[in-house]
Amino acid sequence: MNEKFLKFADSLKKSGLRLTATRTEICKLLSETSDHPSALEIYRELKSRYPSLSLATVYNTMDVLVEMGLIRVLGCVGGGHVHIDTNTHSHINVMCMSCHKIIDLPSDEIENLDRRITNESGFKLQGSSIIFYGLCPDCQKKKNSESPAKAQGKILKRKNIRSKNGNTSSI
């Protein structure tokens, strides 16, 4: 087992949660990933091996790890789900607005900024979150290979939106 896994497991025990087989697997998955999974993605990954796993267990486990500062919440960065980051060192996240892929970029500038903010404010920083949005190279290729007529059709499609008072309008 890696050091990150041991920290995760120890934190769960200290918080009063039992270290069940499912929580052990959640910790193992999180300790080994460089991705930025959502609770639903973790649930789907483990559900076939652990039929009794509930989404609530995944959320509760992640909540404890967030409270202990071992993982960070990135928020809803696409796909309608809150994603987490297991890299708690200062860095930049870059997210594709099409496929929702998220990558980490180390940054000396961010580390220097963290030190400056600490020195000037007196705050003991717990972390920072900087997310840049754009299109990843794969999605850029897909977009460039899309026919102009198909792209124009996407722009011209109308969506119906229902207002709070029940009226429907198109945009």
N, C-alpha and C. Protein backbone atom coordinates (compact mmCIF):
# COMPACT_ATOMS: atom_id res chain seq x y z
N MET A 1 0.84 -1.19 0.00
CA MET A 1 0.00 0.00 0.00
C MET A 1 0.88 1.25 0.00
N ASN A 2 0.43 2.28 -0.73
CA ASN A 2 1.23 3.50 -0.81
C ASN A 2 0.95 4.42 0.38
N GLU A 3 1.80 5.41 0.53
CA GLU A 3 1.71 6.33 1.67
C GLU A 3 0.40 7.11 1.68
N LYS A 4 -0.06 7.52 0.50
CA LYS A 4 -1.30 8.28 0.41
C LYS A 4 -2.47 7.41 0.88
N PHE A 5 -2.49 6.14 0.49
CA PHE A 5 -3.55 5.24 0.93
C PHE A 5 -3.55 5.12 2.45
N LEU A 6 -2.37 4.95 3.03
CA LEU A 6 -2.28 4.82 4.49
C LEU A 6 -2.81 6.07 5.20
N LYS A 7 -2.51 7.26 4.65
CA LYS A 7 -3.04 8.50 5.24
C LYS A 7 -4.56 8.54 5.14
N PHE A 8 -5.09 8.14 3.98
CA PHE A 8 -6.54 8.14 3.79
C PHE A 8 -7.21 7.19 4.79
N ALA A 9 -6.70 5.98 4.88
CA ALA A 9 -7.28 4.96 5.76
C ALA A 9 -7.19 5.40 7.22
N ASP A 10 -6.05 5.95 7.62
CA ASP A 10 -5.87 6.41 8.98
C ASP A 10 -6.84 7.55 9.32
N SER A 11 -7.05 8.44 8.37
CA SER A 11 -7.98 9.56 8.58
C SER A 11 -9.40 9.07 8.78
N LEU A 12 -9.80 8.06 8.04
CA LEU A 12 -11.15 7.50 8.21
C LEU A 12 -11.31 6.92 9.60
N LYS A 13 -10.30 6.18 10.04
CA LYS A 13 -10.35 5.60 11.39
C LYS A 13 -10.43 6.69 12.46
N LYS A 14 -9.60 7.72 12.32
CA LYS A 14 -9.58 8.82 13.30
C LYS A 14 -10.91 9.57 13.34
N SER A 15 -11.61 9.59 12.21
CA SER A 15 -12.88 10.30 12.16
C SER A 15 -14.02 9.49 12.77
N GLY A 16 -13.74 8.22 13.07
CA GLY A 16 -14.77 7.37 13.66
C GLY A 16 -15.46 6.46 12.67
N LEU A 17 -15.11 6.56 11.39
CA LEU A 17 -15.68 5.65 10.41
C LEU A 17 -14.97 4.30 10.45
N ARG A 18 -15.75 3.24 10.31
CA ARG A 18 -15.14 1.91 10.21
C ARG A 18 -14.45 1.77 8.87
N LEU A 19 -13.33 1.13 8.85
CA LEU A 19 -12.60 0.92 7.60
C LEU A 19 -13.10 -0.38 6.96
N THR A 20 -14.25 -0.28 6.31
CA THR A 20 -14.87 -1.45 5.66
C THR A 20 -14.14 -1.75 4.35
N ALA A 21 -14.48 -2.86 3.76
CA ALA A 21 -13.88 -3.24 2.47
C ALA A 21 -14.17 -2.19 1.40
N THR A 22 -15.39 -1.65 1.41
CA THR A 22 -15.74 -0.65 0.39
C THR A 22 -14.98 0.65 0.62
N ARG A 23 -14.88 1.09 1.86
CA ARG A 23 -14.13 2.32 2.13
C ARG A 23 -12.63 2.12 1.82
N THR A 24 -12.13 0.92 2.08
CA THR A 24 -10.74 0.61 1.74
C THR A 24 -10.53 0.74 0.24
N GLU A 25 -11.46 0.23 -0.54
CA GLU A 25 -11.36 0.32 -2.01
C GLU A 25 -11.49 1.75 -2.50
N ILE A 26 -12.34 2.53 -1.88
CA ILE A 26 -12.47 3.95 -2.26
C ILE A 26 -11.13 4.64 -2.01
N CYS A 27 -10.55 4.40 -0.85
CA CYS A 27 -9.25 5.00 -0.51
C CYS A 27 -8.16 4.53 -1.47
N LYS A 28 -8.19 3.26 -1.80
CA LYS A 28 -7.19 2.70 -2.73
C LYS A 28 -7.33 3.37 -4.10
N LEU A 29 -8.55 3.46 -4.60
CA LEU A 29 -8.78 4.08 -5.90
C LEU A 29 -8.31 5.53 -5.89
N LEU A 30 -8.69 6.29 -4.86
CA LEU A 30 -8.29 7.69 -4.78
C LEU A 30 -6.78 7.86 -4.64
N SER A 31 -6.15 6.96 -3.92
CA SER A 31 -4.71 7.09 -3.70
C SER A 31 -3.90 6.76 -4.94
N GLU A 32 -4.50 6.03 -5.88
CA GLU A 32 -3.78 5.59 -7.07
C GLU A 32 -4.11 6.40 -8.32
N THR A 33 -5.08 7.30 -8.24
CA THR A 33 -5.50 8.02 -9.44
C THR A 33 -4.83 9.37 -9.58
N SER A 34 -4.60 9.74 -10.82
CA SER A 34 -4.19 11.11 -11.11
C SER A 34 -5.33 11.84 -11.81
N ASP A 35 -6.45 11.12 -12.00
CA ASP A 35 -7.65 11.72 -12.58
C ASP A 35 -8.36 12.55 -11.52
N HIS A 36 -9.47 13.14 -11.89
CA HIS A 36 -10.26 13.99 -11.00
C HIS A 36 -11.68 13.44 -10.99
N PRO A 37 -11.89 12.32 -10.33
CA PRO A 37 -13.19 11.65 -10.40
C PRO A 37 -14.28 12.35 -9.61
N SER A 38 -15.51 12.05 -9.98
CA SER A 38 -16.66 12.47 -9.19
C SER A 38 -17.07 11.29 -8.32
N ALA A 39 -17.92 11.53 -7.35
CA ALA A 39 -18.42 10.44 -6.49
C ALA A 39 -19.13 9.39 -7.34
N LEU A 40 -19.88 9.85 -8.33
CA LEU A 40 -20.62 8.92 -9.19
C LEU A 40 -19.66 8.05 -10.00
N GLU A 41 -18.57 8.61 -10.48
CA GLU A 41 -17.58 7.82 -11.22
C GLU A 41 -16.94 6.76 -10.32
N ILE A 42 -16.63 7.15 -9.09
CA ILE A 42 -16.06 6.18 -8.13
C ILE A 42 -17.07 5.07 -7.85
N TYR A 43 -18.29 5.46 -7.62
CA TYR A 43 -19.37 4.50 -7.36
C TYR A 43 -19.50 3.51 -8.52
N ARG A 44 -19.56 4.01 -9.73
CA ARG A 44 -19.70 3.14 -10.90
C ARG A 44 -18.50 2.21 -11.07
N GLU A 45 -17.32 2.72 -10.77
CA GLU A 45 -16.09 1.92 -10.88
C GLU A 45 -16.10 0.73 -9.92
N LEU A 46 -16.61 0.94 -8.72
CA LEU A 46 -16.52 -0.08 -7.67
C LEU A 46 -17.79 -0.92 -7.49
N LYS A 47 -18.90 -0.48 -8.00
CA LYS A 47 -20.20 -1.12 -7.73
C LYS A 47 -20.24 -2.59 -8.16
N SER A 48 -19.66 -2.94 -9.28
CA SER A 48 -19.72 -4.33 -9.75
C SER A 48 -18.95 -5.27 -8.82
N ARG A 49 -17.90 -4.79 -8.21
CA ARG A 49 -17.12 -5.62 -7.27
C ARG A 49 -17.69 -5.59 -5.86
N TYR A 50 -18.44 -4.54 -5.55
CA TYR A 50 -19.01 -4.38 -4.20
C TYR A 50 -20.50 -4.03 -4.35
N PRO A 51 -21.34 -5.02 -4.58
CA PRO A 51 -22.77 -4.76 -4.82
C PRO A 51 -23.47 -4.01 -3.69
N SER A 52 -22.96 -4.11 -2.47
CA SER A 52 -23.62 -3.42 -1.36
C SER A 52 -23.18 -1.96 -1.23
N LEU A 53 -22.24 -1.52 -2.07
CA LEU A 53 -21.75 -0.14 -2.02
C LEU A 53 -22.88 0.83 -2.33
N SER A 54 -22.98 1.87 -1.52
CA SER A 54 -23.97 2.92 -1.79
C SER A 54 -23.25 4.21 -2.16
N LEU A 55 -23.94 5.05 -2.91
CA LEU A 55 -23.38 6.34 -3.27
C LEU A 55 -23.14 7.18 -2.01
N ALA A 56 -23.98 7.00 -1.00
CA ALA A 56 -23.81 7.73 0.27
C ALA A 56 -22.47 7.37 0.91
N THR A 57 -22.06 6.11 0.83
CA THR A 57 -20.77 5.70 1.39
C THR A 57 -19.63 6.42 0.68
N VAL A 58 -19.73 6.53 -0.64
CA VAL A 58 -18.69 7.23 -1.40
C VAL A 58 -18.64 8.69 -0.96
N TYR A 59 -19.80 9.35 -0.90
CA TYR A 59 -19.84 10.76 -0.48
C TYR A 59 -19.32 10.94 0.95
N ASN A 60 -19.74 10.09 1.88
CA ASN A 60 -19.30 10.20 3.27
C ASN A 60 -17.79 10.02 3.39
N THR A 61 -17.25 9.08 2.64
CA THR A 61 -15.81 8.83 2.66
C THR A 61 -15.07 10.04 2.11
N MET A 62 -15.55 10.56 0.99
CA MET A 62 -14.91 11.73 0.39
C MET A 62 -15.02 12.95 1.31
N ASP A 63 -16.16 13.12 1.96
CA ASP A 63 -16.33 14.25 2.89
C ASP A 63 -15.28 14.24 3.99
N VAL A 64 -15.02 13.08 4.56
CA VAL A 64 -14.01 12.98 5.62
C VAL A 64 -12.63 13.33 5.07
N LEU A 65 -12.31 12.83 3.88
CA LEU A 65 -10.99 13.11 3.30
C LEU A 65 -10.83 14.59 2.95
N VAL A 66 -11.93 15.23 2.56
CA VAL A 66 -11.90 16.68 2.30
C VAL A 66 -11.69 17.43 3.61
N GLU A 67 -12.45 17.06 4.66
CA GLU A 67 -12.32 17.73 5.96
C GLU A 67 -10.91 17.60 6.52
N MET A 68 -10.25 16.49 6.24
CA MET A 68 -8.89 16.26 6.74
C MET A 68 -7.83 16.91 5.84
N GLY A 69 -8.26 17.52 4.74
CA GLY A 69 -7.33 18.20 3.84
C GLY A 69 -6.55 17.26 2.94
N LEU A 70 -7.02 16.03 2.78
CA LEU A 70 -6.28 15.05 1.98
C LEU A 70 -6.70 15.02 0.51
N ILE A 71 -7.89 15.50 0.23
CA ILE A 71 -8.35 15.70 -1.14
C ILE A 71 -9.07 17.04 -1.18
N ARG A 72 -9.24 17.58 -2.38
CA ARG A 72 -9.90 18.87 -2.53
C ARG A 72 -11.08 18.75 -3.47
N VAL A 73 -12.06 19.57 -3.23
CA VAL A 73 -13.23 19.63 -4.10
C VAL A 73 -12.96 20.66 -5.19
N LEU A 74 -13.08 20.22 -6.44
CA LEU A 74 -12.94 21.16 -7.56
C LEU A 74 -14.27 21.82 -7.88
N GLY A 75 -15.33 21.19 -7.48
CA GLY A 75 -16.65 21.71 -7.79
C GLY A 75 -17.16 21.09 -9.07
N CYS A 76 -18.25 21.63 -9.54
CA CYS A 76 -18.90 21.13 -10.75
C CYS A 76 -18.18 21.73 -11.94
N VAL A 77 -17.33 20.95 -12.55
CA VAL A 77 -16.53 21.44 -13.67
C VAL A 77 -16.97 20.83 -14.99
N GLY A 78 -18.15 20.31 -15.01
CA GLY A 78 -18.69 19.76 -16.24
C GLY A 78 -19.35 18.42 -15.99
N GLY A 79 -20.31 18.12 -16.79
CA GLY A 79 -21.00 16.85 -16.66
C GLY A 79 -22.00 16.83 -15.52
N GLY A 80 -22.17 17.96 -14.82
CA GLY A 80 -23.15 18.04 -13.76
C GLY A 80 -22.74 17.36 -12.46
N HIS A 81 -21.47 17.00 -12.32
CA HIS A 81 -21.01 16.31 -11.12
C HIS A 81 -19.83 17.06 -10.49
N VAL A 82 -19.76 17.02 -9.18
CA VAL A 82 -18.65 17.62 -8.45
C VAL A 82 -17.45 16.69 -8.54
N HIS A 83 -16.32 17.23 -8.96
CA HIS A 83 -15.10 16.44 -9.09
C HIS A 83 -14.14 16.77 -7.95
N ILE A 84 -13.27 15.83 -7.65
CA ILE A 84 -12.29 16.06 -6.59
C ILE A 84 -10.88 15.97 -7.16
N ASP A 85 -9.94 16.48 -6.40
CA ASP A 85 -8.53 16.48 -6.78
C ASP A 85 -7.75 15.86 -5.64
N THR A 86 -7.02 14.81 -5.93
CA THR A 86 -6.21 14.17 -4.88
C THR A 86 -4.83 14.81 -4.77
N ASN A 87 -4.51 15.72 -5.67
CA ASN A 87 -3.25 16.45 -5.62
C ASN A 87 -3.48 17.70 -4.78
N THR A 88 -2.99 17.71 -3.56
CA THR A 88 -3.22 18.84 -2.67
C THR A 88 -2.08 19.86 -2.70
N HIS A 89 -1.09 19.64 -3.55
CA HIS A 89 -0.02 20.63 -3.72
C HIS A 89 -0.51 21.75 -4.62
N SER A 90 0.08 22.91 -4.50
CA SER A 90 -0.32 24.04 -5.33
C SER A 90 -0.05 23.73 -6.80
N HIS A 91 -1.09 23.89 -7.61
CA HIS A 91 -0.97 23.63 -9.04
C HIS A 91 -2.15 24.26 -9.76
N ILE A 92 -2.13 24.17 -11.06
CA ILE A 92 -3.21 24.67 -11.90
C ILE A 92 -3.96 23.48 -12.47
N ASN A 93 -5.28 23.57 -12.51
CA ASN A 93 -6.10 22.56 -13.19
C ASN A 93 -6.54 23.15 -14.52
N VAL A 94 -6.49 22.34 -15.57
CA VAL A 94 -6.96 22.75 -16.88
C VAL A 94 -8.05 21.76 -17.28
N MET A 95 -9.25 22.30 -17.60
CA MET A 95 -10.41 21.45 -17.86
C MET A 95 -10.93 21.67 -19.27
N CYS A 96 -11.21 20.56 -19.97
CA CYS A 96 -11.80 20.62 -21.30
C CYS A 96 -13.30 20.83 -21.18
N MET A 97 -13.80 21.84 -21.84
CA MET A 97 -15.23 22.17 -21.76
C MET A 97 -16.09 21.22 -22.58
N SER A 98 -15.46 20.39 -23.39
CA SER A 98 -16.22 19.45 -24.22
C SER A 98 -16.28 18.06 -23.58
N CYS A 99 -15.13 17.46 -23.30
CA CYS A 99 -15.11 16.09 -22.76
C CYS A 99 -14.95 16.06 -21.25
N HIS A 100 -14.68 17.20 -20.62
CA HIS A 100 -14.55 17.37 -19.17
C HIS A 100 -13.29 16.74 -18.58
N LYS A 101 -12.33 16.43 -19.43
CA LYS A 101 -11.04 15.94 -18.96
C LYS A 101 -10.37 17.05 -18.16
N ILE A 102 -9.71 16.68 -17.06
CA ILE A 102 -9.01 17.65 -16.21
C ILE A 102 -7.58 17.18 -16.05
N ILE A 103 -6.64 18.09 -16.26
CA ILE A 103 -5.24 17.76 -16.03
C ILE A 103 -4.64 18.74 -15.03
N ASP A 104 -3.58 18.30 -14.37
CA ASP A 104 -2.83 19.12 -13.42
C ASP A 104 -1.59 19.67 -14.10
N LEU A 105 -1.31 20.93 -13.86
CA LEU A 105 -0.06 21.54 -14.32
C LEU A 105 0.67 22.12 -13.12
N PRO A 106 1.87 21.60 -12.84
CA PRO A 106 2.65 22.20 -11.74
C PRO A 106 2.99 23.64 -12.09
N SER A 107 3.13 24.48 -11.07
CA SER A 107 3.41 25.88 -11.34
C SER A 107 4.22 26.50 -10.21
N ASP A 108 5.43 26.89 -10.53
CA ASP A 108 6.26 27.61 -9.56
C ASP A 108 5.62 28.96 -9.22
N GLU A 109 4.96 29.57 -10.20
CA GLU A 109 4.32 30.87 -9.97
C GLU A 109 3.23 30.76 -8.90
N ILE A 110 2.46 29.68 -8.95
CA ILE A 110 1.39 29.49 -7.96
C ILE A 110 2.00 29.26 -6.58
N GLU A 111 3.06 28.47 -6.50
CA GLU A 111 3.72 28.24 -5.21
C GLU A 111 4.27 29.56 -4.66
N ASN A 112 4.86 30.38 -5.53
CA ASN A 112 5.36 31.69 -5.09
C ASN A 112 4.22 32.59 -4.63
N LEU A 113 3.11 32.55 -5.34
CA LEU A 113 1.95 33.35 -4.97
C LEU A 113 1.40 32.90 -3.62
N ASP A 114 1.34 31.59 -3.39
CA ASP A 114 0.89 31.07 -2.09
C ASP A 114 1.76 31.63 -0.95
N ARG A 115 3.09 31.61 -1.15
CA ARG A 115 4.00 32.13 -0.12
C ARG A 115 3.78 33.62 0.10
N ARG A 116 3.62 34.35 -1.00
CA ARG A 116 3.41 35.80 -0.90
C ARG A 116 2.12 36.11 -0.14
N ILE A 117 1.05 35.40 -0.47
CA ILE A 117 -0.24 35.63 0.20
C ILE A 117 -0.12 35.31 1.68
N THR A 118 0.56 34.22 2.01
CA THR A 118 0.76 33.85 3.41
C THR A 118 1.53 34.94 4.14
N ASN A 119 2.62 35.40 3.53
CA ASN A 119 3.45 36.43 4.17
C ASN A 119 2.72 37.75 4.34
N GLU A 120 1.95 38.16 3.33
CA GLU A 120 1.30 39.46 3.37
C GLU A 120 -0.01 39.47 4.16
N SER A 121 -0.68 38.33 4.24
CA SER A 121 -1.98 38.31 4.89
C SER A 121 -1.95 37.73 6.30
N GLY A 122 -0.93 36.92 6.57
CA GLY A 122 -0.89 36.23 7.85
C GLY A 122 -1.74 34.97 7.88
N PHE A 123 -2.45 34.69 6.79
CA PHE A 123 -3.26 33.47 6.70
C PHE A 123 -2.39 32.24 6.61
N LYS A 124 -2.83 31.17 7.21
CA LYS A 124 -2.23 29.86 6.98
C LYS A 124 -3.09 29.20 5.90
N LEU A 125 -2.61 29.23 4.67
CA LEU A 125 -3.40 28.74 3.56
C LEU A 125 -3.60 27.22 3.64
N GLN A 126 -4.79 26.80 3.32
CA GLN A 126 -5.12 25.38 3.25
C GLN A 126 -5.01 24.87 1.82
N GLY A 127 -4.93 25.78 0.90
CA GLY A 127 -4.81 25.40 -0.50
C GLY A 127 -5.34 26.50 -1.39
N SER A 128 -5.30 26.22 -2.68
CA SER A 128 -5.83 27.16 -3.66
C SER A 128 -6.41 26.36 -4.81
N SER A 129 -7.26 26.99 -5.56
CA SER A 129 -7.88 26.32 -6.69
C SER A 129 -7.90 27.27 -7.87
N ILE A 130 -7.16 26.93 -8.88
CA ILE A 130 -7.14 27.72 -10.10
C ILE A 130 -7.47 26.77 -11.25
N ILE A 131 -8.57 27.10 -11.95
CA ILE A 131 -9.01 26.24 -13.04
C ILE A 131 -9.10 27.06 -14.31
N PHE A 132 -8.42 26.59 -15.33
CA PHE A 132 -8.51 27.19 -16.65
C PHE A 132 -9.40 26.29 -17.50
N TYR A 133 -10.22 26.89 -18.36
CA TYR A 133 -11.15 26.16 -19.21
C TYR A 133 -10.78 26.33 -20.67
N GLY A 134 -10.97 25.29 -21.44
CA GLY A 134 -10.71 25.37 -22.87
C GLY A 134 -11.05 24.06 -23.54
N LEU A 135 -10.46 23.82 -24.70
CA LEU A 135 -10.65 22.56 -25.41
C LEU A 135 -9.33 21.81 -25.45
N CYS A 136 -9.37 20.54 -25.06
CA CYS A 136 -8.15 19.71 -25.07
C CYS A 136 -7.76 19.42 -26.52
N PRO A 137 -6.54 18.96 -26.75
CA PRO A 137 -6.10 18.68 -28.13
C PRO A 137 -7.03 17.70 -28.87
N ASP A 138 -7.50 16.67 -28.20
CA ASP A 138 -8.39 15.71 -28.87
C ASP A 138 -9.69 16.37 -29.31
N CYS A 139 -10.28 17.17 -28.45
CA CYS A 139 -11.54 17.84 -28.80
C CYS A 139 -11.33 18.92 -29.86
N GLN A 140 -10.15 19.54 -29.86
CA GLN A 140 -9.84 20.50 -30.92
C GLN A 140 -9.80 19.80 -32.27
N LYS A 141 -9.19 18.61 -32.30
CA LYS A 141 -9.13 17.84 -33.55
C LYS A 141 -10.52 17.46 -34.02
N LYS A 142 -11.36 17.00 -33.09
CA LYS A 142 -12.74 16.63 -33.44
C LYS A 142 -13.49 17.83 -33.99
N LYS A 143 -13.32 18.99 -33.33
CA LYS A 143 -14.02 20.19 -33.76
C LYS A 143 -13.55 20.63 -35.14
N ASN A 144 -12.24 20.54 -35.39
CA ASN A 144 -11.69 20.95 -36.68
C ASN A 144 -12.11 20.01 -37.80
N SER A 145 -12.36 18.74 -37.47
CA SER A 145 -12.75 17.78 -38.50
C SER A 145 -14.25 17.78 -38.76
N GLU A 146 -15.01 18.48 -37.93
CA GLU A 146 -16.47 18.56 -38.10
C GLU A 146 -16.79 19.39 -39.34
N SER A 147 -17.74 18.93 -40.13
CA SER A 147 -18.09 19.66 -41.36
C SER A 147 -18.69 21.02 -41.01
N PRO A 148 -18.45 22.02 -41.83
CA PRO A 148 -19.01 23.36 -41.57
C PRO A 148 -20.54 23.34 -41.49
N ALA A 149 -21.19 22.51 -42.32
CA ALA A 149 -22.66 22.44 -42.29
C ALA A 149 -23.15 21.89 -40.96
N LYS A 150 -22.46 20.87 -40.44
CA LYS A 150 -22.86 20.27 -39.16
C LYS A 150 -22.66 21.29 -38.03
N ALA A 151 -21.54 22.00 -38.06
CA ALA A 151 -21.28 23.02 -37.03
C ALA A 151 -22.33 24.11 -37.10
N GLN A 152 -22.69 24.54 -38.31
CA GLN A 152 -23.72 25.59 -38.47
C GLN A 152 -25.06 25.10 -37.94
N GLY A 153 -25.37 23.83 -38.17
CA GLY A 153 -26.63 23.25 -37.69
C GLY A 153 -26.70 23.27 -36.17
N LYS A 154 -25.60 23.04 -35.50
CA LYS A 154 -25.57 23.07 -34.04
C LYS A 154 -25.87 24.47 -33.53
N ILE A 155 -25.35 25.46 -34.21
CA ILE A 155 -25.57 26.84 -33.78
C ILE A 155 -27.04 27.23 -33.95
N LEU A 156 -27.64 26.75 -35.03
CA LEU A 156 -29.00 27.16 -35.36
C LEU A 156 -30.08 26.38 -34.64
N LYS A 157 -29.74 25.27 -33.98
CA LYS A 157 -30.75 24.50 -33.25
C LYS A 157 -31.36 25.37 -32.17
N ARG A 158 -32.66 25.28 -32.02
CA ARG A 158 -33.34 26.05 -30.99
C ARG A 158 -33.61 25.16 -29.80
N LYS A 159 -33.52 25.74 -28.64
CA LYS A 159 -33.84 25.02 -27.41
C LYS A 159 -35.04 25.69 -26.77
N ASN A 160 -35.96 24.88 -26.33
CA ASN A 160 -37.11 25.41 -25.60
C ASN A 160 -36.78 25.48 -24.13
N ILE A 161 -37.09 26.60 -23.52
CA ILE A 161 -36.83 26.79 -22.09
C ILE A 161 -38.15 27.15 -21.42
N ARG A 162 -38.46 26.46 -20.35
CA ARG A 162 -39.69 26.72 -19.60
C ARG A 162 -39.34 27.62 -18.42
N SER A 163 -40.04 28.74 -18.34
CA SER A 163 -39.80 29.68 -17.24
C SER A 163 -40.53 29.20 -15.99
N LYS A 164 -40.27 29.89 -14.88
CA LYS A 164 -40.90 29.52 -13.61
C LYS A 164 -42.42 29.62 -13.66
N ASN A 165 -42.94 30.54 -14.49
CA ASN A 165 -44.39 30.70 -14.55
C ASN A 165 -45.04 29.74 -15.55
N GLY A 166 -44.24 28.85 -16.17
CA GLY A 166 -44.79 27.83 -17.05
C GLY A 166 -44.78 28.19 -18.52
N ASN A 167 -44.41 29.43 -18.87
CA ASN A 167 -44.35 29.83 -20.27
C ASN A 167 -43.13 29.22 -20.94
N THR A 168 -43.24 28.91 -22.22
CA THR A 168 -42.15 28.34 -22.97
C THR A 168 -41.64 29.37 -23.98
N SER A 169 -40.32 29.50 -24.05
CA SER A 169 -39.73 30.40 -25.03
C SER A 169 -38.57 29.68 -25.70
N SER A 170 -38.17 30.14 -26.86
CA SER A 170 -37.06 29.53 -27.60
C SER A 170 -35.89 30.48 -27.58
N ILE A 171 -34.72 29.87 -27.56
CA ILE A 171 -33.51 30.68 -27.70
C ILE A 171 -32.69 30.13 -28.83
